[in-house]
Amino acid sequence: MSHESEPTVIDRVRRALGRTAPLDCPPEPPALPEHVVRLVHTDISLSELFAKRAEELKMGITFAHPDDLAQQIVAFLRQKGVKRVAASGSKLLDSLGVMNALRNAGFDAKRWNDITLDQMYDFDGAVTDTTYAVAESGTLAIVTDANNGRALSLVPMYHVAVVEPRNLVPDLLDLFKILGEQHRGRHVVMISGPSKTADIEMNVVTGVHGPNVVQTFILK
């Protein structure tokens, strides 16, 4: 018997069910209403939903006014005992005065494009902007490039992320559509809370292979 004449799994299932009529083409899936397929609706505040979902994943959330952001980041990192901070070479962070505030506060602060990957392991904190934030899942999506290396959000114990409201998207369907249209899907770090791992007995430990603390500041 040739390979082409062998019944497929679907053929065998159909025969077992007593269905003998030829299947010329698979049936069309039923159309599902938007409110069933997607949980995020237009009447939901994306900022509030993101904050709720992210906090459930043990991510720290703070709403901040742009004028106060730099000092709030300084206060947070100082409270955690952070000494060395790496930051993405971000126009947003520069416009908000984050790097100057860190240096004026006594932190050893450097931009990503001024250090090597090996040097990154000597930093205990990092500050990045965020390309997108997914409200439904509480996920940060950061497109990495020469000014914003992926190690910033993966190596230091403390990761501070800044989210602009305009970069909030309802769910992953929207995120993947946008990344596909922009051809930016190959170098994306997606973050849902601090690093976590669990053993066979379901004992969860954070920070084993990444940040132990992820603090997100959402701009008002």
N, C-alpha and C. Protein backbone atom coordinates (compact mmCIF):
# COMPACT_ATOMS: atom_id res chain seq x y z
N MET A 1 0.86 -1.20 0.00
CA MET A 1 0.00 0.00 0.00
C MET A 1 0.89 1.24 0.00
N SER A 2 0.58 2.18 -0.87
CA SER A 2 1.38 3.41 -0.92
C SER A 2 1.06 4.30 0.27
N HIS A 3 1.98 5.22 0.54
CA HIS A 3 1.80 6.14 1.67
C HIS A 3 0.56 7.00 1.49
N GLU A 4 0.26 7.40 0.20
CA GLU A 4 -0.86 8.30 -0.05
C GLU A 4 -2.20 7.65 0.25
N SER A 5 -2.26 6.30 0.13
CA SER A 5 -3.54 5.63 0.34
C SER A 5 -3.80 5.31 1.80
N GLU A 6 -2.83 5.50 2.66
CA GLU A 6 -3.02 5.21 4.08
C GLU A 6 -3.98 6.22 4.69
N PRO A 7 -4.91 5.73 5.50
CA PRO A 7 -5.88 6.66 6.11
C PRO A 7 -5.20 7.59 7.11
N THR A 8 -5.64 8.82 7.10
CA THR A 8 -5.12 9.78 8.07
C THR A 8 -5.82 9.59 9.41
N VAL A 9 -5.30 10.29 10.40
CA VAL A 9 -5.93 10.21 11.73
C VAL A 9 -7.38 10.68 11.64
N ILE A 10 -7.62 11.75 10.90
CA ILE A 10 -8.99 12.26 10.75
C ILE A 10 -9.88 11.24 10.07
N ASP A 11 -9.33 10.56 9.04
CA ASP A 11 -10.11 9.53 8.35
C ASP A 11 -10.52 8.42 9.32
N ARG A 12 -9.59 7.99 10.14
CA ARG A 12 -9.91 6.91 11.09
C ARG A 12 -10.93 7.35 12.12
N VAL A 13 -10.81 8.59 12.56
CA VAL A 13 -11.79 9.10 13.52
C VAL A 13 -13.18 9.16 12.88
N ARG A 14 -13.27 9.64 11.64
CA ARG A 14 -14.55 9.75 10.96
C ARG A 14 -15.18 8.37 10.75
N ARG A 15 -14.37 7.39 10.39
CA ARG A 15 -14.90 6.04 10.21
C ARG A 15 -15.42 5.47 11.52
N ALA A 16 -14.67 5.73 12.60
CA ALA A 16 -15.12 5.24 13.90
C ALA A 16 -16.44 5.87 14.32
N LEU A 17 -16.68 7.09 13.85
CA LEU A 17 -17.93 7.77 14.16
C LEU A 17 -19.05 7.44 13.18
N GLY A 18 -18.72 6.59 12.20
CA GLY A 18 -19.73 6.20 11.23
C GLY A 18 -19.98 7.22 10.16
N ARG A 19 -19.05 8.13 9.92
CA ARG A 19 -19.22 9.15 8.91
C ARG A 19 -18.49 8.72 7.65
N THR A 20 -19.26 8.39 6.62
CA THR A 20 -18.68 7.83 5.39
C THR A 20 -18.68 8.81 4.24
N ALA A 21 -19.45 9.89 4.34
CA ALA A 21 -19.48 10.86 3.24
C ALA A 21 -18.11 11.50 3.08
N PRO A 22 -17.72 11.73 1.82
CA PRO A 22 -16.39 12.34 1.60
C PRO A 22 -16.30 13.73 2.21
N LEU A 23 -15.13 14.01 2.70
CA LEU A 23 -14.89 15.32 3.32
C LEU A 23 -14.06 16.14 2.34
N ASP A 24 -14.75 16.90 1.52
CA ASP A 24 -14.05 17.67 0.49
C ASP A 24 -13.18 18.77 1.09
N CYS A 25 -13.71 19.43 2.10
CA CYS A 25 -12.94 20.49 2.75
C CYS A 25 -13.40 20.57 4.20
N PRO A 26 -12.50 20.94 5.09
CA PRO A 26 -12.89 21.02 6.51
C PRO A 26 -13.97 22.06 6.72
N PRO A 27 -14.85 21.83 7.69
CA PRO A 27 -15.92 22.80 7.95
C PRO A 27 -15.36 24.12 8.47
N GLU A 28 -16.04 25.18 8.15
CA GLU A 28 -15.63 26.50 8.63
C GLU A 28 -15.88 26.59 10.14
N PRO A 29 -14.92 27.11 10.88
CA PRO A 29 -15.15 27.28 12.32
C PRO A 29 -16.25 28.30 12.56
N PRO A 30 -17.01 28.13 13.61
CA PRO A 30 -18.09 29.09 13.87
C PRO A 30 -17.53 30.47 14.21
N ALA A 31 -18.24 31.48 13.80
CA ALA A 31 -17.84 32.85 14.14
C ALA A 31 -18.14 33.12 15.61
N LEU A 32 -17.13 33.55 16.32
CA LEU A 32 -17.30 33.83 17.75
C LEU A 32 -17.35 35.33 17.98
N PRO A 33 -18.28 35.77 18.80
CA PRO A 33 -18.38 37.21 19.06
C PRO A 33 -17.15 37.73 19.78
N GLU A 34 -16.85 38.98 19.53
CA GLU A 34 -15.65 39.61 20.10
C GLU A 34 -15.63 39.54 21.61
N HIS A 35 -16.76 39.71 22.27
CA HIS A 35 -16.76 39.73 23.74
C HIS A 35 -16.51 38.36 24.34
N VAL A 36 -16.60 37.30 23.52
CA VAL A 36 -16.29 35.95 24.00
C VAL A 36 -14.82 35.64 23.78
N VAL A 37 -14.32 36.00 22.61
CA VAL A 37 -12.93 35.68 22.26
C VAL A 37 -11.95 36.53 23.05
N ARG A 38 -12.30 37.80 23.25
CA ARG A 38 -11.38 38.73 23.89
C ARG A 38 -12.02 39.29 25.15
N LEU A 39 -11.23 39.31 26.21
CA LEU A 39 -11.76 39.71 27.51
C LEU A 39 -11.69 41.21 27.73
N VAL A 40 -10.92 41.91 26.92
CA VAL A 40 -10.74 43.34 27.11
C VAL A 40 -11.69 44.09 26.19
N HIS A 41 -12.49 44.96 26.77
CA HIS A 41 -13.45 45.73 26.00
C HIS A 41 -13.06 47.21 26.02
N THR A 42 -13.67 47.96 25.16
CA THR A 42 -13.30 49.37 25.03
C THR A 42 -13.65 50.19 26.26
N ASP A 43 -14.57 49.70 27.09
CA ASP A 43 -14.97 50.48 28.25
C ASP A 43 -14.12 50.20 29.48
N ILE A 44 -13.06 49.43 29.31
CA ILE A 44 -12.17 49.10 30.42
C ILE A 44 -10.93 50.01 30.35
N SER A 45 -10.53 50.57 31.48
CA SER A 45 -9.31 51.36 31.54
C SER A 45 -8.11 50.42 31.42
N LEU A 46 -7.34 50.57 30.36
CA LEU A 46 -6.21 49.68 30.15
C LEU A 46 -5.16 49.83 31.24
N SER A 47 -4.94 51.06 31.71
CA SER A 47 -3.95 51.27 32.77
C SER A 47 -4.35 50.52 34.05
N GLU A 48 -5.62 50.64 34.42
CA GLU A 48 -6.09 49.99 35.65
C GLU A 48 -6.09 48.48 35.51
N LEU A 49 -6.49 47.99 34.33
CA LEU A 49 -6.49 46.54 34.13
C LEU A 49 -5.07 45.99 34.14
N PHE A 50 -4.15 46.69 33.46
CA PHE A 50 -2.75 46.24 33.48
C PHE A 50 -2.23 46.19 34.91
N ALA A 51 -2.49 47.23 35.68
CA ALA A 51 -2.01 47.28 37.06
C ALA A 51 -2.57 46.12 37.87
N LYS A 52 -3.83 45.81 37.70
CA LYS A 52 -4.47 44.72 38.45
C LYS A 52 -3.83 43.38 38.09
N ARG A 53 -3.69 43.13 36.79
CA ARG A 53 -3.11 41.86 36.35
C ARG A 53 -1.64 41.74 36.75
N ALA A 54 -0.89 42.83 36.61
CA ALA A 54 0.54 42.79 36.94
C ALA A 54 0.76 42.56 38.43
N GLU A 55 -0.05 43.18 39.26
CA GLU A 55 0.08 42.98 40.71
C GLU A 55 -0.23 41.54 41.09
N GLU A 56 -1.15 40.90 40.39
CA GLU A 56 -1.44 39.49 40.63
C GLU A 56 -0.22 38.61 40.34
N LEU A 57 0.65 39.09 39.46
CA LEU A 57 1.87 38.36 39.09
C LEU A 57 3.08 38.82 39.91
N LYS A 58 2.81 39.55 41.01
CA LYS A 58 3.87 40.00 41.94
C LYS A 58 4.76 41.09 41.36
N MET A 59 4.24 41.85 40.42
CA MET A 59 4.96 43.00 39.88
C MET A 59 4.56 44.24 40.67
N GLY A 60 5.52 45.06 41.04
CA GLY A 60 5.20 46.29 41.73
C GLY A 60 4.67 47.33 40.75
N ILE A 61 3.62 48.03 41.15
CA ILE A 61 2.99 49.02 40.26
C ILE A 61 2.86 50.35 41.00
N THR A 62 3.28 51.43 40.33
CA THR A 62 3.12 52.77 40.86
C THR A 62 2.70 53.70 39.73
N PHE A 63 1.65 54.47 39.94
CA PHE A 63 1.26 55.50 38.97
C PHE A 63 2.03 56.77 39.31
N ALA A 64 2.65 57.36 38.29
CA ALA A 64 3.54 58.49 38.54
C ALA A 64 3.29 59.61 37.54
N HIS A 65 3.38 60.82 38.04
CA HIS A 65 3.35 61.99 37.14
C HIS A 65 4.74 62.13 36.52
N PRO A 66 4.83 62.49 35.25
CA PRO A 66 6.15 62.62 34.60
C PRO A 66 7.13 63.51 35.36
N ASP A 67 6.64 64.58 35.97
CA ASP A 67 7.54 65.48 36.69
C ASP A 67 8.14 64.84 37.94
N ASP A 68 7.47 63.82 38.47
CA ASP A 68 7.92 63.19 39.72
C ASP A 68 8.63 61.86 39.48
N LEU A 69 8.62 61.38 38.25
CA LEU A 69 9.09 60.02 37.99
C LEU A 69 10.53 59.81 38.40
N ALA A 70 11.43 60.69 37.99
CA ALA A 70 12.85 60.49 38.25
C ALA A 70 13.13 60.34 39.74
N GLN A 71 12.53 61.20 40.56
CA GLN A 71 12.77 61.12 41.99
C GLN A 71 12.11 59.89 42.61
N GLN A 72 11.00 59.45 42.04
CA GLN A 72 10.38 58.22 42.56
C GLN A 72 11.25 57.00 42.25
N ILE A 73 11.87 56.99 41.08
CA ILE A 73 12.78 55.90 40.76
C ILE A 73 14.00 55.92 41.68
N VAL A 74 14.54 57.12 41.92
CA VAL A 74 15.68 57.25 42.84
C VAL A 74 15.32 56.73 44.22
N ALA A 75 14.15 57.11 44.71
CA ALA A 75 13.72 56.69 46.05
C ALA A 75 13.55 55.18 46.11
N PHE A 76 12.97 54.60 45.07
CA PHE A 76 12.77 53.15 45.06
C PHE A 76 14.09 52.40 45.09
N LEU A 77 15.03 52.78 44.20
CA LEU A 77 16.30 52.08 44.13
C LEU A 77 17.12 52.29 45.40
N ARG A 78 17.03 53.48 45.97
CA ARG A 78 17.75 53.74 47.22
C ARG A 78 17.20 52.87 48.36
N GLN A 79 15.88 52.73 48.41
CA GLN A 79 15.26 51.90 49.44
C GLN A 79 15.71 50.44 49.32
N LYS A 80 15.94 49.98 48.09
CA LYS A 80 16.35 48.59 47.86
C LYS A 80 17.85 48.39 48.03
N GLY A 81 18.60 49.47 48.29
CA GLY A 81 20.03 49.33 48.49
C GLY A 81 20.83 49.15 47.21
N VAL A 82 20.25 49.53 46.09
CA VAL A 82 20.94 49.40 44.80
C VAL A 82 22.06 50.43 44.71
N LYS A 83 23.20 50.00 44.17
CA LYS A 83 24.35 50.89 44.04
C LYS A 83 24.67 51.25 42.59
N ARG A 84 24.58 50.24 41.71
CA ARG A 84 24.96 50.44 40.31
C ARG A 84 23.74 50.21 39.42
N VAL A 85 23.47 51.16 38.54
CA VAL A 85 22.26 51.11 37.73
C VAL A 85 22.63 51.26 36.27
N ALA A 86 22.12 50.36 35.45
CA ALA A 86 22.24 50.46 34.00
C ALA A 86 20.89 50.87 33.44
N ALA A 87 20.89 51.73 32.44
CA ALA A 87 19.64 52.23 31.88
C ALA A 87 19.69 52.15 30.36
N SER A 88 18.54 51.94 29.78
CA SER A 88 18.47 51.93 28.32
C SER A 88 18.72 53.34 27.78
N GLY A 89 19.32 53.40 26.59
CA GLY A 89 19.55 54.69 25.95
C GLY A 89 18.25 55.18 25.34
N SER A 90 17.36 55.62 26.19
CA SER A 90 15.98 55.91 25.81
C SER A 90 15.72 57.40 25.75
N LYS A 91 15.07 57.85 24.67
CA LYS A 91 14.69 59.26 24.58
C LYS A 91 13.69 59.62 25.69
N LEU A 92 12.82 58.67 26.02
CA LEU A 92 11.85 58.91 27.07
C LEU A 92 12.54 59.14 28.41
N LEU A 93 13.46 58.25 28.78
CA LEU A 93 14.14 58.39 30.06
C LEU A 93 14.97 59.67 30.10
N ASP A 94 15.59 60.01 28.98
CA ASP A 94 16.38 61.25 28.95
C ASP A 94 15.48 62.47 29.09
N SER A 95 14.32 62.44 28.43
CA SER A 95 13.43 63.60 28.50
C SER A 95 12.85 63.78 29.90
N LEU A 96 12.78 62.69 30.66
CA LEU A 96 12.25 62.75 32.03
C LEU A 96 13.36 62.98 33.06
N GLY A 97 14.61 63.07 32.59
CA GLY A 97 15.72 63.37 33.49
C GLY A 97 16.12 62.23 34.41
N VAL A 98 15.86 61.00 34.00
CA VAL A 98 16.13 59.86 34.88
C VAL A 98 17.62 59.66 35.10
N MET A 99 18.41 59.67 34.04
CA MET A 99 19.84 59.42 34.19
C MET A 99 20.51 60.51 35.03
N ASN A 100 20.19 61.75 34.80
CA ASN A 100 20.77 62.83 35.61
C ASN A 100 20.37 62.71 37.07
N ALA A 101 19.13 62.34 37.32
CA ALA A 101 18.67 62.18 38.70
C ALA A 101 19.41 61.05 39.40
N LEU A 102 19.65 59.97 38.70
CA LEU A 102 20.37 58.83 39.29
C LEU A 102 21.80 59.24 39.64
N ARG A 103 22.47 59.91 38.74
CA ARG A 103 23.85 60.31 38.98
C ARG A 103 23.94 61.37 40.08
N ASN A 104 23.01 62.30 40.08
CA ASN A 104 23.01 63.32 41.13
C ASN A 104 22.73 62.72 42.51
N ALA A 105 22.02 61.59 42.52
CA ALA A 105 21.71 60.93 43.80
C ALA A 105 22.84 60.03 44.27
N GLY A 106 23.92 59.93 43.50
CA GLY A 106 25.08 59.15 43.93
C GLY A 106 25.16 57.74 43.38
N PHE A 107 24.24 57.36 42.51
CA PHE A 107 24.32 56.03 41.90
C PHE A 107 25.40 56.00 40.82
N ASP A 108 26.04 54.86 40.69
CA ASP A 108 26.94 54.62 39.56
C ASP A 108 26.04 54.22 38.39
N ALA A 109 25.64 55.17 37.57
CA ALA A 109 24.64 54.94 36.53
C ALA A 109 25.28 55.08 35.15
N LYS A 110 25.02 54.09 34.29
CA LYS A 110 25.54 54.10 32.93
C LYS A 110 24.45 53.65 31.96
N ARG A 111 24.57 54.13 30.73
CA ARG A 111 23.65 53.70 29.69
C ARG A 111 24.12 52.37 29.09
N TRP A 112 23.15 51.64 28.54
CA TRP A 112 23.45 50.33 27.98
C TRP A 112 24.54 50.40 26.91
N ASN A 113 24.48 51.41 26.06
CA ASN A 113 25.46 51.48 24.98
C ASN A 113 26.84 51.95 25.44
N ASP A 114 27.01 52.17 26.74
CA ASP A 114 28.32 52.54 27.29
C ASP A 114 28.98 51.40 28.05
N ILE A 115 28.32 50.24 28.10
CA ILE A 115 28.87 49.10 28.83
C ILE A 115 28.83 47.86 27.94
N THR A 116 29.57 46.83 28.35
CA THR A 116 29.56 45.56 27.63
C THR A 116 28.60 44.59 28.33
N LEU A 117 28.31 43.51 27.64
CA LEU A 117 27.44 42.50 28.24
C LEU A 117 28.07 41.91 29.50
N ASP A 118 29.37 41.67 29.47
CA ASP A 118 30.04 41.13 30.66
C ASP A 118 29.94 42.10 31.83
N GLN A 119 30.08 43.40 31.56
CA GLN A 119 29.99 44.38 32.64
C GLN A 119 28.59 44.45 33.24
N MET A 120 27.59 44.06 32.47
CA MET A 120 26.20 44.11 32.94
C MET A 120 26.02 43.31 34.22
N TYR A 121 26.81 42.27 34.40
CA TYR A 121 26.67 41.40 35.57
C TYR A 121 27.17 42.07 36.85
N ASP A 122 27.79 43.24 36.73
CA ASP A 122 28.24 43.99 37.91
C ASP A 122 27.19 44.99 38.38
N PHE A 123 26.07 45.09 37.67
CA PHE A 123 25.02 46.03 38.04
C PHE A 123 23.90 45.31 38.77
N ASP A 124 23.41 45.94 39.84
CA ASP A 124 22.33 45.31 40.60
C ASP A 124 20.96 45.90 40.30
N GLY A 125 20.91 46.92 39.44
CA GLY A 125 19.63 47.51 39.07
C GLY A 125 19.64 47.96 37.62
N ALA A 126 18.45 48.03 37.03
CA ALA A 126 18.33 48.50 35.66
C ALA A 126 17.03 49.28 35.52
N VAL A 127 17.06 50.28 34.64
CA VAL A 127 15.88 51.09 34.34
C VAL A 127 15.68 51.07 32.83
N THR A 128 14.48 50.71 32.40
CA THR A 128 14.19 50.67 30.97
C THR A 128 12.85 51.34 30.69
N ASP A 129 12.69 51.76 29.44
CA ASP A 129 11.35 52.11 29.01
C ASP A 129 10.68 50.83 28.53
N THR A 130 9.45 50.92 28.06
CA THR A 130 8.70 49.75 27.66
C THR A 130 8.07 50.02 26.29
N THR A 131 8.29 49.11 25.36
CA THR A 131 7.73 49.31 24.03
C THR A 131 6.21 49.20 24.06
N TYR A 132 5.71 48.14 24.70
CA TYR A 132 4.28 47.95 24.86
C TYR A 132 4.01 47.30 26.21
N ALA A 133 2.78 47.45 26.69
CA ALA A 133 2.35 46.77 27.91
C ALA A 133 0.97 46.18 27.63
N VAL A 134 0.81 44.89 27.91
CA VAL A 134 -0.41 44.16 27.57
C VAL A 134 -1.33 44.15 28.79
N ALA A 135 -2.48 44.81 28.66
CA ALA A 135 -3.37 44.98 29.81
C ALA A 135 -3.94 43.66 30.30
N GLU A 136 -4.41 42.81 29.40
CA GLU A 136 -5.11 41.60 29.80
C GLU A 136 -4.22 40.64 30.60
N SER A 137 -2.95 40.56 30.25
CA SER A 137 -2.06 39.60 30.90
C SER A 137 -1.05 40.24 31.85
N GLY A 138 -1.03 41.58 31.95
CA GLY A 138 -0.08 42.23 32.82
C GLY A 138 1.36 42.02 32.38
N THR A 139 1.58 42.06 31.07
CA THR A 139 2.88 41.73 30.50
C THR A 139 3.56 42.96 29.92
N LEU A 140 4.85 43.11 30.21
CA LEU A 140 5.68 44.13 29.57
C LEU A 140 6.32 43.52 28.32
N ALA A 141 6.30 44.25 27.22
CA ALA A 141 6.97 43.81 26.00
C ALA A 141 8.00 44.85 25.61
N ILE A 142 9.27 44.44 25.58
CA ILE A 142 10.36 45.35 25.29
C ILE A 142 11.09 44.88 24.04
N VAL A 143 11.05 45.70 23.00
CA VAL A 143 11.80 45.40 21.78
C VAL A 143 13.24 45.83 22.01
N THR A 144 14.15 44.89 21.89
CA THR A 144 15.56 45.18 22.18
C THR A 144 16.28 45.65 20.92
N ASP A 145 17.28 46.52 21.15
CA ASP A 145 18.10 47.01 20.05
C ASP A 145 19.44 47.47 20.62
N ALA A 146 20.19 48.22 19.83
CA ALA A 146 21.53 48.64 20.24
C ALA A 146 21.51 49.55 21.46
N ASN A 147 20.42 50.24 21.69
CA ASN A 147 20.31 51.14 22.84
C ASN A 147 19.58 50.52 24.03
N ASN A 148 19.05 49.33 23.83
CA ASN A 148 18.22 48.72 24.87
C ASN A 148 18.41 47.21 24.82
N GLY A 149 19.52 46.73 25.38
CA GLY A 149 19.84 45.31 25.32
C GLY A 149 18.94 44.47 26.20
N ARG A 150 18.73 43.23 25.78
CA ARG A 150 17.84 42.36 26.54
C ARG A 150 18.37 42.05 27.94
N ALA A 151 19.69 42.13 28.13
CA ALA A 151 20.26 41.82 29.44
C ALA A 151 19.80 42.81 30.51
N LEU A 152 19.38 44.01 30.10
CA LEU A 152 18.92 44.99 31.09
C LEU A 152 17.76 44.46 31.92
N SER A 153 16.86 43.74 31.28
CA SER A 153 15.68 43.23 31.98
C SER A 153 15.83 41.79 32.44
N LEU A 154 16.97 41.18 32.16
CA LEU A 154 17.15 39.77 32.50
C LEU A 154 18.23 39.51 33.54
N VAL A 155 19.17 40.42 33.70
CA VAL A 155 20.34 40.14 34.55
C VAL A 155 20.25 40.75 35.95
N PRO A 156 20.05 42.06 36.10
CA PRO A 156 20.09 42.66 37.44
C PRO A 156 18.97 42.16 38.34
N MET A 157 19.20 42.25 39.64
CA MET A 157 18.22 41.79 40.62
C MET A 157 16.97 42.68 40.63
N TYR A 158 17.16 43.97 40.32
CA TYR A 158 16.03 44.91 40.35
C TYR A 158 15.85 45.53 38.97
N HIS A 159 14.65 45.40 38.45
CA HIS A 159 14.32 45.96 37.14
C HIS A 159 13.20 46.97 37.31
N VAL A 160 13.46 48.21 36.91
CA VAL A 160 12.46 49.27 36.92
C VAL A 160 12.05 49.54 35.48
N ALA A 161 10.75 49.47 35.21
CA ALA A 161 10.24 49.72 33.86
C ALA A 161 9.29 50.90 33.88
N VAL A 162 9.32 51.68 32.82
CA VAL A 162 8.46 52.85 32.70
C VAL A 162 7.49 52.62 31.54
N VAL A 163 6.20 52.80 31.80
CA VAL A 163 5.16 52.57 30.79
C VAL A 163 4.44 53.88 30.48
N GLU A 164 4.38 54.21 29.20
CA GLU A 164 3.55 55.34 28.76
C GLU A 164 2.15 54.83 28.45
N PRO A 165 1.10 55.54 28.85
CA PRO A 165 -0.27 55.08 28.57
C PRO A 165 -0.52 54.79 27.10
N ARG A 166 0.10 55.54 26.20
CA ARG A 166 -0.15 55.33 24.77
C ARG A 166 0.40 53.99 24.28
N ASN A 167 1.27 53.35 25.06
CA ASN A 167 1.85 52.08 24.66
C ASN A 167 1.13 50.88 25.27
N LEU A 168 0.02 51.12 25.94
CA LEU A 168 -0.80 50.01 26.45
C LEU A 168 -1.65 49.44 25.33
N VAL A 169 -1.68 48.13 25.22
CA VAL A 169 -2.53 47.45 24.24
C VAL A 169 -3.45 46.50 25.00
N PRO A 170 -4.64 46.23 24.45
CA PRO A 170 -5.61 45.41 25.20
C PRO A 170 -5.13 44.00 25.50
N ASP A 171 -4.67 43.25 24.48
CA ASP A 171 -4.30 41.86 24.74
C ASP A 171 -3.21 41.41 23.77
N LEU A 172 -2.85 40.12 23.86
CA LEU A 172 -1.75 39.60 23.05
C LEU A 172 -2.07 39.60 21.56
N LEU A 173 -3.34 39.47 21.21
CA LEU A 173 -3.72 39.54 19.81
C LEU A 173 -3.30 40.88 19.21
N ASP A 174 -3.56 41.93 19.95
CA ASP A 174 -3.17 43.26 19.49
C ASP A 174 -1.65 43.40 19.42
N LEU A 175 -0.97 42.89 20.44
CA LEU A 175 0.49 43.00 20.48
C LEU A 175 1.12 42.30 19.28
N PHE A 176 0.73 41.05 19.03
CA PHE A 176 1.34 40.31 17.92
C PHE A 176 1.01 40.92 16.57
N LYS A 177 -0.18 41.48 16.44
CA LYS A 177 -0.54 42.16 15.20
C LYS A 177 0.37 43.36 14.96
N ILE A 178 0.58 44.16 16.01
CA ILE A 178 1.42 45.35 15.88
C ILE A 178 2.86 44.96 15.58
N LEU A 179 3.38 43.99 16.30
CA LEU A 179 4.77 43.57 16.08
C LEU A 179 4.95 43.01 14.67
N GLY A 180 3.95 42.28 14.20
CA GLY A 180 4.03 41.74 12.84
C GLY A 180 4.02 42.84 11.80
N GLU A 181 3.17 43.83 11.97
CA GLU A 181 3.10 44.93 11.02
C GLU A 181 4.38 45.75 11.01
N GLN A 182 5.03 45.82 12.18
CA GLN A 182 6.26 46.60 12.27
C GLN A 182 7.51 45.77 12.00
N HIS A 183 7.33 44.46 11.78
CA HIS A 183 8.45 43.55 11.56
C HIS A 183 9.46 43.63 12.71
N ARG A 184 8.92 43.64 13.93
CA ARG A 184 9.77 43.78 15.12
C ARG A 184 9.63 42.59 16.06
N GLY A 185 9.15 41.47 15.57
CA GLY A 185 8.83 40.37 16.47
C GLY A 185 9.98 39.46 16.83
N ARG A 186 11.16 39.68 16.26
CA ARG A 186 12.25 38.73 16.50
C ARG A 186 13.05 39.01 17.77
N HIS A 187 13.01 40.23 18.24
CA HIS A 187 13.84 40.59 19.40
C HIS A 187 12.97 41.28 20.44
N VAL A 188 12.12 40.50 21.06
CA VAL A 188 11.18 41.03 22.05
C VAL A 188 11.32 40.25 23.35
N VAL A 189 11.51 40.97 24.43
CA VAL A 189 11.49 40.37 25.76
C VAL A 189 10.11 40.62 26.36
N MET A 190 9.45 39.54 26.79
CA MET A 190 8.13 39.66 27.39
C MET A 190 8.23 39.30 28.87
N ILE A 191 7.76 40.19 29.72
CA ILE A 191 7.97 40.07 31.16
C ILE A 191 6.63 40.10 31.88
N SER A 192 6.35 39.05 32.62
CA SER A 192 5.13 38.99 33.43
C SER A 192 5.54 38.75 34.88
N GLY A 193 5.94 39.82 35.56
CA GLY A 193 6.36 39.72 36.94
C GLY A 193 7.81 39.32 37.08
N PRO A 194 8.28 39.15 38.31
CA PRO A 194 9.68 38.76 38.54
C PRO A 194 9.95 37.34 38.06
N SER A 195 11.22 37.02 37.91
CA SER A 195 11.62 35.68 37.52
C SER A 195 11.12 34.66 38.53
N LYS A 196 10.57 33.56 38.04
CA LYS A 196 10.02 32.52 38.93
C LYS A 196 10.42 31.15 38.43
N THR A 197 10.62 30.24 39.34
CA THR A 197 10.82 28.83 39.00
C THR A 197 10.24 27.99 40.12
N ALA A 198 9.92 26.76 39.81
CA ALA A 198 9.31 25.87 40.82
C ALA A 198 9.85 24.46 40.65
N ASP A 199 9.97 23.73 41.77
CA ASP A 199 10.41 22.35 41.69
C ASP A 199 9.19 21.43 41.57
N ILE A 200 9.44 20.14 41.61
CA ILE A 200 8.37 19.17 41.40
C ILE A 200 7.31 19.22 42.50
N GLU A 201 7.69 19.77 43.65
CA GLU A 201 6.73 19.90 44.76
C GLU A 201 6.02 21.25 44.73
N MET A 202 6.21 22.00 43.65
CA MET A 202 5.53 23.28 43.44
C MET A 202 5.95 24.35 44.44
N ASN A 203 7.19 24.28 44.90
CA ASN A 203 7.74 25.34 45.74
C ASN A 203 8.31 26.42 44.81
N VAL A 204 7.68 27.58 44.81
CA VAL A 204 8.05 28.65 43.89
C VAL A 204 9.15 29.52 44.50
N VAL A 205 10.17 29.80 43.71
CA VAL A 205 11.28 30.67 44.12
C VAL A 205 11.42 31.76 43.07
N THR A 206 11.57 32.99 43.50
CA THR A 206 11.74 34.11 42.57
C THR A 206 13.20 34.55 42.50
N GLY A 207 13.57 35.07 41.35
CA GLY A 207 14.89 35.67 41.20
C GLY A 207 16.03 34.71 40.96
N VAL A 208 15.76 33.45 40.64
CA VAL A 208 16.84 32.48 40.45
C VAL A 208 17.59 32.76 39.16
N HIS A 209 16.88 33.08 38.11
CA HIS A 209 17.52 33.29 36.81
C HIS A 209 17.07 34.61 36.19
N GLY A 210 16.91 35.62 37.01
CA GLY A 210 16.50 36.93 36.52
C GLY A 210 16.12 37.83 37.68
N PRO A 211 15.49 38.95 37.39
CA PRO A 211 15.15 39.91 38.45
C PRO A 211 14.27 39.32 39.54
N ASN A 212 14.63 39.61 40.76
CA ASN A 212 13.81 39.22 41.91
C ASN A 212 12.68 40.22 42.13
N VAL A 213 12.86 41.44 41.63
CA VAL A 213 11.86 42.48 41.78
C VAL A 213 11.70 43.21 40.45
N VAL A 214 10.46 43.31 39.99
CA VAL A 214 10.14 44.12 38.81
C VAL A 214 9.17 45.21 39.27
N GLN A 215 9.61 46.46 39.16
CA GLN A 215 8.81 47.61 39.57
C GLN A 215 8.46 48.42 38.33
N THR A 216 7.17 48.60 38.09
CA THR A 216 6.72 49.34 36.93
C THR A 216 6.07 50.64 37.33
N PHE A 217 6.52 51.71 36.71
CA PHE A 217 5.92 53.03 36.91
C PHE A 217 5.08 53.36 35.67
N ILE A 218 3.78 53.56 35.88
CA ILE A 218 2.88 53.90 34.80
C ILE A 218 2.65 55.41 34.81
N LEU A 219 3.00 56.06 33.74
CA LEU A 219 2.86 57.51 33.68
C LEU A 219 1.39 57.90 33.60
N LYS A 220 1.05 58.97 34.30
CA LYS A 220 -0.32 59.48 34.28
C LYS A 220 -0.52 60.41 33.09
